[in-house]
Amino acid sequence: MNACMIYVATSGPAEAKKMAKVLVSERLIACANIVESVTSIYRWEGEIQCDQESLLIAKTNHARREAAMARLTDLHSCDTPCIVAYDMAAGASPYLDWLVQETEAPQ
C-alpha cells in the first residue's frame, strides 16, 4: 500500500483549512478532512491543559509524506505540533489510485 494519513491537531478550523488548501495546491496531499471541534486534554509544562482544537486528517502517498509533514510543521502555529502519520492498511482501489495521481508532481 502506497498511501498514508497524516493526523494534525490544529488551533482551530481557520488554521486547519489554511493548511489543507496550501498542501493540496502544492500537491503534497490529495485531500483533507477537518473535524472542526475536539476537546484535547494533555499535560504541558507540568500542568494539565484542556483546549478546543480542530483536527486535520490529510491523505497522501509515501513519497510525499515527509515533505507534507515538514510543510505542515512550517505552517503550524505551535512550537511542538501534533503531526503524526499512519499507513493505510487497505482501501478502495479507485480511491487509492486517485490519491496517488493527485500527489504526483505535475508534468
PDB file of N, CA and C in Angstrom:
ATOM      1  N   MET A   1       0.855  -1.171   0.000  1.00  0.00           N
ATOM      2  CA  MET A   1       0.000   0.000   0.000  1.00  0.00           C
ATOM      3  C   MET A   1       0.898   1.230   0.000  1.00  0.00           C
ATOM      4  N   ASN A   2       0.587   2.176  -0.856  1.00  0.00           N
ATOM      5  CA  ASN A   2       1.405   3.363  -1.036  1.00  0.00           C
ATOM      6  C   ASN A   2       0.760   4.607  -0.435  1.00  0.00           C
ATOM      7  N   ALA A   3      -0.192   4.453   0.461  1.00  0.00           N
ATOM      8  CA  ALA A   3      -0.919   5.614   0.965  1.00  0.00           C
ATOM      9  C   ALA A   3      -0.818   5.708   2.480  1.00  0.00           C
ATOM     10  N   CYS A   4      -0.949   6.945   2.968  1.00  0.00           N
ATOM     11  CA  CYS A   4      -0.937   7.168   4.406  1.00  0.00           C
ATOM     12  C   CYS A   4      -1.804   8.369   4.751  1.00  0.00           C
ATOM     13  N   MET A   5      -2.140   8.465   6.026  1.00  0.00           N
ATOM     14  CA  MET A   5      -2.890   9.607   6.540  1.00  0.00           C
ATOM     15  C   MET A   5      -2.002  10.340   7.531  1.00  0.00           C
ATOM     16  N   ILE A   6      -2.090  11.655   7.518  1.00  0.00           N
ATOM     17  CA  ILE A   6      -1.359  12.478   8.474  1.00  0.00           C
ATOM     18  C   ILE A   6      -2.383  13.156   9.371  1.00  0.00           C
ATOM     19  N   TYR A   7      -2.264  12.908  10.649  1.00  0.00           N
ATOM     20  CA  TYR A   7      -3.171  13.416  11.676  1.00  0.00           C
ATOM     21  C   TYR A   7      -2.520  14.648  12.292  1.00  0.00           C
ATOM     22  N   VAL A   8      -3.257  15.778  12.286  1.00  0.00           N
ATOM     23  CA  VAL A   8      -2.707  17.025  12.798  1.00  0.00           C
ATOM     24  C   VAL A   8      -3.729  17.684  13.719  1.00  0.00           C
ATOM     25  N   ALA A   9      -3.321  17.996  14.945  1.00  0.00           N
ATOM     26  CA  ALA A   9      -4.152  18.799  15.838  1.00  0.00           C
ATOM     27  C   ALA A   9      -3.804  20.268  15.569  1.00  0.00           C
ATOM     28  N   THR A  10      -4.822  21.090  15.307  1.00  0.00           N
ATOM     29  CA  THR A  10      -4.599  22.498  14.981  1.00  0.00           C
ATOM     30  C   THR A  10      -5.320  23.393  15.984  1.00  0.00           C
ATOM     31  N   SER A  11      -5.006  24.677  15.932  1.00  0.00           N
ATOM     32  CA  SER A  11      -5.595  25.634  16.868  1.00  0.00           C
ATOM     33  C   SER A  11      -7.076  25.882  16.616  1.00  0.00           C
ATOM     34  N   GLY A  12      -7.545  25.576  15.416  1.00  0.00           N
ATOM     35  CA  GLY A  12      -8.951  25.791  15.090  1.00  0.00           C
ATOM     36  C   GLY A  12      -9.205  25.582  13.607  1.00  0.00           C
ATOM     37  N   PRO A  13     -10.471  25.746  13.184  1.00  0.00           N
ATOM     38  CA  PRO A  13     -10.821  25.475  11.791  1.00  0.00           C
ATOM     39  C   PRO A  13     -10.107  26.362  10.782  1.00  0.00           C
ATOM     40  N   ALA A  14      -9.855  27.607  11.124  1.00  0.00           N
ATOM     41  CA  ALA A  14      -9.180  28.502  10.166  1.00  0.00           C
ATOM     42  C   ALA A  14      -7.772  28.004   9.862  1.00  0.00           C
ATOM     43  N   GLU A  15      -7.038  27.614  10.898  1.00  0.00           N
ATOM     44  CA  GLU A  15      -5.685  27.105  10.681  1.00  0.00           C
ATOM     45  C   GLU A  15      -5.726  25.797   9.890  1.00  0.00           C
ATOM     46  N   ALA A  16      -6.646  24.908  10.229  1.00  0.00           N
ATOM     47  CA  ALA A  16      -6.756  23.631   9.527  1.00  0.00           C
ATOM     48  C   ALA A  16      -7.070  23.844   8.040  1.00  0.00           C
ATOM     49  N   LYS A  17      -8.018  24.732   7.740  1.00  0.00           N
ATOM     50  CA  LYS A  17      -8.376  24.997   6.342  1.00  0.00           C
ATOM     51  C   LYS A  17      -7.216  25.600   5.571  1.00  0.00           C
ATOM     52  N   LYS A  18      -6.510  26.535   6.203  1.00  0.00           N
ATOM     53  CA  LYS A  18      -5.354  27.145   5.536  1.00  0.00           C
ATOM     54  C   LYS A  18      -4.316  26.084   5.193  1.00  0.00           C
ATOM     55  N   MET A  19      -4.002  25.237   6.159  1.00  0.00           N
ATOM     56  CA  MET A  19      -3.011  24.177   5.931  1.00  0.00           C
ATOM     57  C   MET A  19      -3.451  23.249   4.800  1.00  0.00           C
ATOM     58  N   ALA A  20      -4.707  22.824   4.842  1.00  0.00           N
ATOM     59  CA  ALA A  20      -5.213  21.898   3.824  1.00  0.00           C
ATOM     60  C   ALA A  20      -5.125  22.513   2.437  1.00  0.00           C
ATOM     61  N   LYS A  21      -5.542  23.756   2.297  1.00  0.00           N
ATOM     62  CA  LYS A  21      -5.513  24.412   0.980  1.00  0.00           C
ATOM     63  C   LYS A  21      -4.088  24.538   0.454  1.00  0.00           C
ATOM     64  N   VAL A  22      -3.149  24.896   1.317  1.00  0.00           N
ATOM     65  CA  VAL A  22      -1.756  25.021   0.886  1.00  0.00           C
ATOM     66  C   VAL A  22      -1.222  23.670   0.421  1.00  0.00           C
ATOM     67  N   LEU A  23      -1.433  22.631   1.213  1.00  0.00           N
ATOM     68  CA  LEU A  23      -0.874  21.332   0.862  1.00  0.00           C
ATOM     69  C   LEU A  23      -1.522  20.709  -0.374  1.00  0.00           C
ATOM     70  N   VAL A  24      -2.836  20.912  -0.555  1.00  0.00           N
ATOM     71  CA  VAL A  24      -3.482  20.415  -1.778  1.00  0.00           C
ATOM     72  C   VAL A  24      -2.948  21.186  -2.980  1.00  0.00           C
ATOM     73  N   SER A  25      -2.822  22.503  -2.858  1.00  0.00           N
ATOM     74  CA  SER A  25      -2.344  23.309  -4.000  1.00  0.00           C
ATOM     75  C   SER A  25      -0.909  22.950  -4.367  1.00  0.00           C
ATOM     76  N   GLU A  26      -0.113  22.539  -3.399  1.00  0.00           N
ATOM     77  CA  GLU A  26       1.272  22.140  -3.652  1.00  0.00           C
ATOM     78  C   GLU A  26       1.405  20.654  -3.992  1.00  0.00           C
ATOM     79  N   ARG A  27       0.274  19.955  -4.085  1.00  0.00           N
ATOM     80  CA  ARG A  27       0.214  18.533  -4.420  1.00  0.00           C
ATOM     81  C   ARG A  27       0.950  17.643  -3.415  1.00  0.00           C
ATOM     82  N   LEU A  28       1.082  18.137  -2.188  1.00  0.00           N
ATOM     83  CA  LEU A  28       1.696  17.327  -1.136  1.00  0.00           C
ATOM     84  C   LEU A  28       0.688  16.356  -0.537  1.00  0.00           C
ATOM     85  N   ILE A  29      -0.595  16.697  -0.620  1.00  0.00           N
ATOM     86  CA  ILE A  29      -1.672  15.805  -0.200  1.00  0.00           C
ATOM     87  C   ILE A  29      -2.739  15.809  -1.280  1.00  0.00           C
ATOM     88  N   ALA A  30      -3.524  14.746  -1.325  1.00  0.00           N
ATOM     89  CA  ALA A  30      -4.627  14.678  -2.293  1.00  0.00           C
ATOM     90  C   ALA A  30      -5.868  15.363  -1.744  1.00  0.00           C
ATOM     91  N   CYS A  31      -6.093  15.224  -0.446  1.00  0.00           N
ATOM     92  CA  CYS A  31      -7.284  15.803   0.168  1.00  0.00           C
ATOM     93  C   CYS A  31      -7.112  15.797   1.677  1.00  0.00           C
ATOM     94  N   ALA A  32      -8.048  16.476   2.345  1.00  0.00           N
ATOM     95  CA  ALA A  32      -8.017  16.512   3.804  1.00  0.00           C
ATOM     96  C   ALA A  32      -9.435  16.556   4.345  1.00  0.00           C
ATOM     97  N   ASN A  33      -9.592  16.015   5.521  1.00  0.00           N
ATOM     98  CA  ASN A  33     -10.836  16.136   6.275  1.00  0.00           C
ATOM     99  C   ASN A  33     -10.541  17.007   7.484  1.00  0.00           C
ATOM    100  N   ILE A  34     -11.503  17.844   7.841  1.00  0.00           N
ATOM    101  CA  ILE A  34     -11.346  18.704   9.007  1.00  0.00           C
ATOM    102  C   ILE A  34     -12.490  18.421   9.970  1.00  0.00           C
ATOM    103  N   VAL A  35     -12.123  18.072  11.182  1.00  0.00           N
ATOM    104  CA  VAL A  35     -13.086  17.928  12.268  1.00  0.00           C
ATOM    105  C   VAL A  35     -12.959  19.221  13.060  1.00  0.00           C
ATOM    106  N   GLU A  36     -13.989  20.054  12.980  1.00  0.00           N
ATOM    107  CA  GLU A  36     -13.852  21.431  13.458  1.00  0.00           C
ATOM    108  C   GLU A  36     -13.668  21.582  14.951  1.00  0.00           C
ATOM    109  N   SER A  37     -14.206  20.702  15.760  1.00  0.00           N
ATOM    110  CA  SER A  37     -14.084  20.916  17.201  1.00  0.00           C
ATOM    111  C   SER A  37     -13.883  19.601  17.945  1.00  0.00           C
ATOM    112  N   VAL A  38     -12.753  19.519  18.608  1.00  0.00           N
ATOM    113  CA  VAL A  38     -12.463  18.404  19.503  1.00  0.00           C
ATOM    114  C   VAL A  38     -11.907  18.991  20.792  1.00  0.00           C
ATOM    115  N   THR A  39     -12.103  18.284  21.865  1.00  0.00           N
ATOM    116  CA  THR A  39     -11.515  18.683  23.135  1.00  0.00           C
ATOM    117  C   THR A  39     -10.254  17.871  23.348  1.00  0.00           C
ATOM    118  N   SER A  40      -9.154  18.557  23.580  1.00  0.00           N
ATOM    119  CA  SER A  40      -7.871  17.896  23.814  1.00  0.00           C
ATOM    120  C   SER A  40      -7.440  18.135  25.256  1.00  0.00           C
ATOM    121  N   ILE A  41      -7.103  17.066  25.935  1.00  0.00           N
ATOM    122  CA  ILE A  41      -6.628  17.140  27.313  1.00  0.00           C
ATOM    123  C   ILE A  41      -5.231  16.531  27.328  1.00  0.00           C
ATOM    124  N   TYR A  42      -4.276  17.272  27.859  1.00  0.00           N
ATOM    125  CA  TYR A  42      -2.887  16.847  27.828  1.00  0.00           C
ATOM    126  C   TYR A  42      -2.098  17.572  28.910  1.00  0.00           C
ATOM    127  N   ARG A  43      -0.916  17.051  29.204  1.00  0.00           N
ATOM    128  CA  ARG A  43      -0.023  17.704  30.156  1.00  0.00           C
ATOM    129  C   ARG A  43       0.997  18.523  29.362  1.00  0.00           C
ATOM    130  N   TRP A  44       1.154  19.780  29.732  1.00  0.00           N
ATOM    131  CA  TRP A  44       2.129  20.650  29.082  1.00  0.00           C
ATOM    132  C   TRP A  44       2.829  21.466  30.154  1.00  0.00           C
ATOM    133  N   GLU A  45       4.155  21.354  30.196  1.00  0.00           N
ATOM    134  CA  GLU A  45       4.978  22.065  31.164  1.00  0.00           C
ATOM    135  C   GLU A  45       4.471  21.861  32.594  1.00  0.00           C
ATOM    136  N   GLY A  46       4.120  20.607  32.892  1.00  0.00           N
ATOM    137  CA  GLY A  46       3.734  20.229  34.232  1.00  0.00           C
ATOM    138  C   GLY A  46       2.295  20.510  34.626  1.00  0.00           C
ATOM    139  N   GLU A  47       1.517  21.088  33.735  1.00  0.00           N
ATOM    140  CA  GLU A  47       0.123  21.436  34.022  1.00  0.00           C
ATOM    141  C   GLU A  47      -0.818  20.672  33.090  1.00  0.00           C
ATOM    142  N   ILE A  48      -1.970  20.266  33.618  1.00  0.00           N
ATOM    143  CA  ILE A  48      -2.989  19.637  32.784  1.00  0.00           C
ATOM    144  C   ILE A  48      -3.710  20.743  32.004  1.00  0.00           C
ATOM    145  N   GLN A  49      -3.782  20.568  30.697  1.00  0.00           N
ATOM    146  CA  GLN A  49      -4.433  21.531  29.808  1.00  0.00           C
ATOM    147  C   GLN A  49      -5.709  20.918  29.234  1.00  0.00           C
ATOM    148  N   CYS A  50      -6.669  21.761  28.934  1.00  0.00           N
ATOM    149  CA  CYS A  50      -7.906  21.343  28.281  1.00  0.00           C
ATOM    150  C   CYS A  50      -8.246  22.414  27.249  1.00  0.00           C
ATOM    151  N   ASP A  51      -8.107  22.076  25.959  1.00  0.00           N
ATOM    152  CA  ASP A  51      -8.290  23.050  24.879  1.00  0.00           C
ATOM    153  C   ASP A  51      -9.258  22.541  23.824  1.00  0.00           C
ATOM    154  N   GLN A  52      -9.911  23.466  23.162  1.00  0.00           N
ATOM    155  CA  GLN A  52     -10.699  23.164  21.968  1.00  0.00           C
ATOM    156  C   GLN A  52      -9.762  23.308  20.770  1.00  0.00           C
ATOM    157  N   GLU A  53      -9.693  22.281  19.952  1.00  0.00           N
ATOM    158  CA  GLU A  53      -8.840  22.278  18.770  1.00  0.00           C
ATOM    159  C   GLU A  53      -9.637  21.744  17.587  1.00  0.00           C
ATOM    160  N   SER A  54      -9.020  21.803  16.408  1.00  0.00           N
ATOM    161  CA  SER A  54      -9.579  21.162  15.213  1.00  0.00           C
ATOM    162  C   SER A  54      -8.586  20.119  14.738  1.00  0.00           C
ATOM    163  N   LEU A  55      -9.111  19.048  14.143  1.00  0.00           N
ATOM    164  CA  LEU A  55      -8.257  18.008  13.577  1.00  0.00           C
ATOM    165  C   LEU A  55      -8.219  18.134  12.069  1.00  0.00           C
ATOM    166  N   LEU A  56      -7.051  17.958  11.523  1.00  0.00           N
ATOM    167  CA  LEU A  56      -6.839  17.886  10.082  1.00  0.00           C
ATOM    168  C   LEU A  56      -6.341  16.481   9.807  1.00  0.00           C
ATOM    169  N   ILE A  57      -7.033  15.771   8.932  1.00  0.00           N
ATOM    170  CA  ILE A  57      -6.601  14.436   8.522  1.00  0.00           C
ATOM    171  C   ILE A  57      -6.309  14.511   7.028  1.00  0.00           C
ATOM    172  N   ALA A  58      -5.024  14.469   6.702  1.00  0.00           N
ATOM    173  CA  ALA A  58      -4.571  14.642   5.322  1.00  0.00           C
ATOM    174  C   ALA A  58      -4.185  13.292   4.738  1.00  0.00           C
ATOM    175  N   LYS A  59      -4.521  13.103   3.448  1.00  0.00           N
ATOM    176  CA  LYS A  59      -4.197  11.847   2.777  1.00  0.00           C
ATOM    177  C   LYS A  59      -3.163  12.089   1.681  1.00  0.00           C
ATOM    178  N   THR A  60      -2.122  11.235   1.671  1.00  0.00           N
ATOM    179  CA  THR A  60      -1.050  11.388   0.698  1.00  0.00           C
ATOM    180  C   THR A  60      -0.429  10.029   0.408  1.00  0.00           C
ATOM    181  N   ASN A  61       0.610  10.032  -0.421  1.00  0.00           N
ATOM    182  CA  ASN A  61       1.336   8.793  -0.691  1.00  0.00           C
ATOM    183  C   ASN A  61       2.661   8.823   0.073  1.00  0.00           C
ATOM    184  N   HIS A  62       3.313   7.681   0.170  1.00  0.00           N
ATOM    185  CA  HIS A  62       4.551   7.601   0.954  1.00  0.00           C
ATOM    186  C   HIS A  62       5.641   8.515   0.423  1.00  0.00           C
ATOM    187  N   ALA A  63       5.719   8.692  -0.869  1.00  0.00           N
ATOM    188  CA  ALA A  63       6.764   9.528  -1.447  1.00  0.00           C
ATOM    189  C   ALA A  63       6.629  10.996  -1.026  1.00  0.00           C
ATOM    190  N   ARG A  64       5.421  11.430  -0.718  1.00  0.00           N
ATOM    191  CA  ARG A  64       5.174  12.832  -0.347  1.00  0.00           C
ATOM    192  C   ARG A  64       5.023  13.030   1.158  1.00  0.00           C
ATOM    193  N   ARG A  65       5.005  11.947   1.912  1.00  0.00           N
ATOM    194  CA  ARG A  65       4.723  12.029   3.354  1.00  0.00           C
ATOM    195  C   ARG A  65       5.674  12.960   4.098  1.00  0.00           C
ATOM    196  N   GLU A  66       6.960  12.776   3.956  1.00  0.00           N
ATOM    197  CA  GLU A  66       7.923  13.591   4.717  1.00  0.00           C
ATOM    198  C   GLU A  66       7.845  15.065   4.321  1.00  0.00           C
ATOM    199  N   ALA A  67       7.698  15.343   3.031  1.00  0.00           N
ATOM    200  CA  ALA A  67       7.573  16.741   2.591  1.00  0.00           C
ATOM    201  C   ALA A  67       6.283  17.361   3.119  1.00  0.00           C
ATOM    202  N   ALA A  68       5.206  16.586   3.126  1.00  0.00           N
ATOM    203  CA  ALA A  68       3.932  17.089   3.652  1.00  0.00           C
ATOM    204  C   ALA A  68       4.051  17.377   5.146  1.00  0.00           C
ATOM    205  N   MET A  69       4.684  16.481   5.893  1.00  0.00           N
ATOM    206  CA  MET A  69       4.836  16.687   7.328  1.00  0.00           C
ATOM    207  C   MET A  69       5.725  17.899   7.627  1.00  0.00           C
ATOM    208  N   ALA A  70       6.765  18.090   6.837  1.00  0.00           N
ATOM    209  CA  ALA A  70       7.640  19.258   7.018  1.00  0.00           C
ATOM    210  C   ALA A  70       6.877  20.548   6.728  1.00  0.00           C
ATOM    211  N   ARG A  71       6.077  20.548   5.676  1.00  0.00           N
ATOM    212  CA  ARG A  71       5.298  21.749   5.324  1.00  0.00           C
ATOM    213  C   ARG A  71       4.259  22.046   6.400  1.00  0.00           C
ATOM    214  N   LEU A  72       3.603  21.015   6.914  1.00  0.00           N
ATOM    215  CA  LEU A  72       2.641  21.198   7.997  1.00  0.00           C
ATOM    216  C   LEU A  72       3.323  21.789   9.236  1.00  0.00           C
ATOM    217  N   THR A  73       4.518  21.323   9.535  1.00  0.00           N
ATOM    218  CA  THR A  73       5.278  21.863  10.668  1.00  0.00           C
ATOM    219  C   THR A  73       5.575  23.339  10.454  1.00  0.00           C
ATOM    220  N   ASP A  74       5.969  23.707   9.237  1.00  0.00           N
ATOM    221  CA  ASP A  74       6.249  25.114   8.915  1.00  0.00           C
ATOM    222  C   ASP A  74       5.014  25.997   9.088  1.00  0.00           C
ATOM    223  N   LEU A  75       3.848  25.475   8.690  1.00  0.00           N
ATOM    224  CA  LEU A  75       2.612  26.260   8.717  1.00  0.00           C
ATOM    225  C   LEU A  75       1.958  26.301  10.099  1.00  0.00           C
ATOM    226  N   HIS A  76       2.308  25.377  10.964  1.00  0.00           N
ATOM    227  CA  HIS A  76       1.616  25.219  12.250  1.00  0.00           C
ATOM    228  C   HIS A  76       1.950  26.347  13.220  1.00  0.00           C
ATOM    229  N   SER A  77       0.976  26.737  14.029  1.00  0.00           N
ATOM    230  CA  SER A  77       1.162  27.822  14.994  1.00  0.00           C
ATOM    231  C   SER A  77       1.852  27.379  16.290  1.00  0.00           C
ATOM    232  N   CYS A  78       1.932  26.085  16.547  1.00  0.00           N
ATOM    233  CA  CYS A  78       2.542  25.584  17.794  1.00  0.00           C
ATOM    234  C   CYS A  78       4.025  25.295  17.607  1.00  0.00           C
ATOM    235  N   ASP A  79       4.757  25.414  18.709  1.00  0.00           N
ATOM    236  CA  ASP A  79       6.179  25.057  18.690  1.00  0.00           C
ATOM    237  C   ASP A  79       6.388  23.544  18.664  1.00  0.00           C
ATOM    238  N   THR A  80       5.458  22.798  19.250  1.00  0.00           N
ATOM    239  CA  THR A  80       5.546  21.339  19.324  1.00  0.00           C
ATOM    240  C   THR A  80       4.229  20.755  18.811  1.00  0.00           C
ATOM    241  N   PRO A  81       3.986  20.838  17.498  1.00  0.00           N
ATOM    242  CA  PRO A  81       2.684  20.399  16.976  1.00  0.00           C
ATOM    243  C   PRO A  81       2.525  18.884  16.961  1.00  0.00           C
ATOM    244  N   CYS A  82       1.288  18.452  17.130  1.00  0.00           N
ATOM    245  CA  CYS A  82       0.943  17.040  16.982  1.00  0.00           C
ATOM    246  C   CYS A  82       0.751  16.773  15.489  1.00  0.00           C
ATOM    247  N   ILE A  83       1.746  16.166  14.868  1.00  0.00           N
ATOM    248  CA  ILE A  83       1.701  15.798  13.447  1.00  0.00           C
ATOM    249  C   ILE A  83       2.253  14.378  13.368  1.00  0.00           C
ATOM    250  N   VAL A  84       1.374  13.411  13.087  1.00  0.00           N
ATOM    251  CA  VAL A  84       1.800  12.014  13.020  1.00  0.00           C
ATOM    252  C   VAL A  84       1.190  11.344  11.786  1.00  0.00           C
ATOM    253  N   ALA A  85       1.925  10.401  11.222  1.00  0.00           N
ATOM    254  CA  ALA A  85       1.462   9.701  10.024  1.00  0.00           C
ATOM    255  C   ALA A  85       1.129   8.253  10.349  1.00  0.00           C
ATOM    256  N   TYR A  86       0.094   7.758   9.685  1.00  0.00           N
ATOM    257  CA  TYR A  86      -0.346   6.369   9.823  1.00  0.00           C
ATOM    258  C   TYR A  86      -0.473   5.757   8.436  1.00  0.00           C
ATOM    259  N   ASP A  87       0.097   4.576   8.252  1.00  0.00           N
ATOM    260  CA  ASP A  87      -0.053   3.871   6.981  1.00  0.00           C
ATOM    261  C   ASP A  87      -1.494   3.402   6.821  1.00  0.00           C
ATOM    262  N   MET A  88      -1.983   3.430   5.597  1.00  0.00           N
ATOM    263  CA  MET A  88      -3.292   2.856   5.287  1.00  0.00           C
ATOM    264  C   MET A  88      -3.080   1.375   4.992  1.00  0.00           C
ATOM    265  N   ALA A  89      -3.769   0.532   5.704  1.00  0.00           N
ATOM    266  CA  ALA A  89      -3.620  -0.911   5.530  1.00  0.00           C
ATOM    267  C   ALA A  89      -4.330  -1.406   4.279  1.00  0.00           C
ATOM    268  N   ALA A  90      -5.446  -0.767   3.939  1.00  0.00           N
ATOM    269  CA  ALA A  90      -6.234  -1.182   2.781  1.00  0.00           C
ATOM    270  C   ALA A  90      -7.159  -0.040   2.401  1.00  0.00           C
ATOM    271  N   GLY A  91      -7.725  -0.139   1.210  1.00  0.00           N
ATOM    272  CA  GLY A  91      -8.659   0.880   0.756  1.00  0.00           C
ATOM    273  C   GLY A  91      -9.214   0.527  -0.614  1.00  0.00           C
ATOM    274  N   ALA A  92     -10.223   1.264  -1.032  1.00  0.00           N
ATOM    275  CA  ALA A  92     -10.828   1.055  -2.350  1.00  0.00           C
ATOM    276  C   ALA A  92      -9.822   1.449  -3.428  1.00  0.00           C
ATOM    277  N   SER A  93      -9.557   0.545  -4.342  1.00  0.00           N
ATOM    278  CA  SER A  93      -8.543   0.789  -5.386  1.00  0.00           C
ATOM    279  C   SER A  93      -8.755   2.078  -6.166  1.00  0.00           C
ATOM    280  N   PRO A  94      -9.982   2.388  -6.622  1.00  0.00           N
ATOM    281  CA  PRO A  94     -10.151   3.646  -7.367  1.00  0.00           C
ATOM    282  C   PRO A  94      -9.766   4.876  -6.541  1.00  0.00           C
ATOM    283  N   TYR A  95     -10.112   4.868  -5.252  1.00  0.00           N
ATOM    284  CA  TYR A  95      -9.755   5.994  -4.386  1.00  0.00           C
ATOM    285  C   TYR A  95      -8.247   6.090  -4.217  1.00  0.00           C
ATOM    286  N   LEU A  96      -7.597   4.974  -3.952  1.00  0.00           N
ATOM    287  CA  LEU A  96      -6.150   4.988  -3.746  1.00  0.00           C
ATOM    288  C   LEU A  96      -5.409   5.370  -5.022  1.00  0.00           C
ATOM    289  N   ASP A  97      -5.902   4.927  -6.178  1.00  0.00           N
ATOM    290  CA  ASP A  97      -5.302   5.331  -7.455  1.00  0.00           C
ATOM    291  C   ASP A  97      -5.413   6.846  -7.630  1.00  0.00           C
ATOM    292  N   TRP A  98      -6.597   7.403  -7.319  1.00  0.00           N
ATOM    293  CA  TRP A  98      -6.807   8.854  -7.412  1.00  0.00           C
ATOM    294  C   TRP A  98      -5.869   9.586  -6.465  1.00  0.00           C
ATOM    295  N   LEU A  99      -5.721   9.086  -5.240  1.00  0.00           N
ATOM    296  CA  LEU A  99      -4.857   9.713  -4.248  1.00  0.00           C
ATOM    297  C   LEU A  99      -3.421   9.804  -4.762  1.00  0.00           C
ATOM    298  N   VAL A 100      -2.913   8.720  -5.294  1.00  0.00           N
ATOM    299  CA  VAL A 100      -1.545   8.720  -5.826  1.00  0.00           C
ATOM    300  C   VAL A 100      -1.434   9.673  -7.012  1.00  0.00           C
ATOM    301  N   GLN A 101      -2.421   9.669  -7.903  1.00  0.00           N
ATOM    302  CA  GLN A 101      -2.401  10.548  -9.066  1.00  0.00           C
ATOM    303  C   GLN A 101      -2.385  12.023  -8.641  1.00  0.00           C
ATOM    304  N   GLU A 102      -3.171  12.375  -7.647  1.00  0.00           N
ATOM    305  CA  GLU A 102      -3.272  13.764  -7.212  1.00  0.00           C
ATOM    306  C   GLU A 102      -2.040  14.277  -6.484  1.00  0.00           C
ATOM    307  N   THR A 103      -1.200  13.370  -6.015  1.00  0.00           N
ATOM    308  CA  THR A 103       0.003  13.787  -5.295  1.00  0.00           C
ATOM    309  C   THR A 103       1.274  13.614  -6.128  1.00  0.00           C
ATOM    310  N   GLU A 104       1.117  13.304  -7.398  1.00  0.00           N
ATOM    311  CA  GLU A 104       2.278  13.244  -8.288  1.00  0.00           C
ATOM    312  C   GLU A 104       2.648  14.659  -8.700  1.00  0.00           C
ATOM    313  N   ALA A 105       3.944  14.872  -8.875  1.00  0.00           N
ATOM    314  CA  ALA A 105       4.413  16.186  -9.336  1.00  0.00           C
ATOM    315  C   ALA A 105       3.849  16.447 -10.729  1.00  0.00           C
ATOM    316  N   PRO A 106       3.426  17.687 -11.017  1.00  0.00           N
ATOM    317  CA  PRO A 106       2.901  17.994 -12.346  1.00  0.00           C
ATOM    318  C   PRO A 106       3.948  17.770 -13.435  1.00  0.00           C
ATOM    319  N   GLN A 107       3.483  17.332 -14.574  1.00  0.00           N
ATOM    320  CA  GLN A 107       4.388  17.072 -15.702  1.00  0.00           C
ATOM    321  C   GLN A 107       4.771  18.348 -16.412  1.00  0.00           C
TER     322      GLN A 107
END
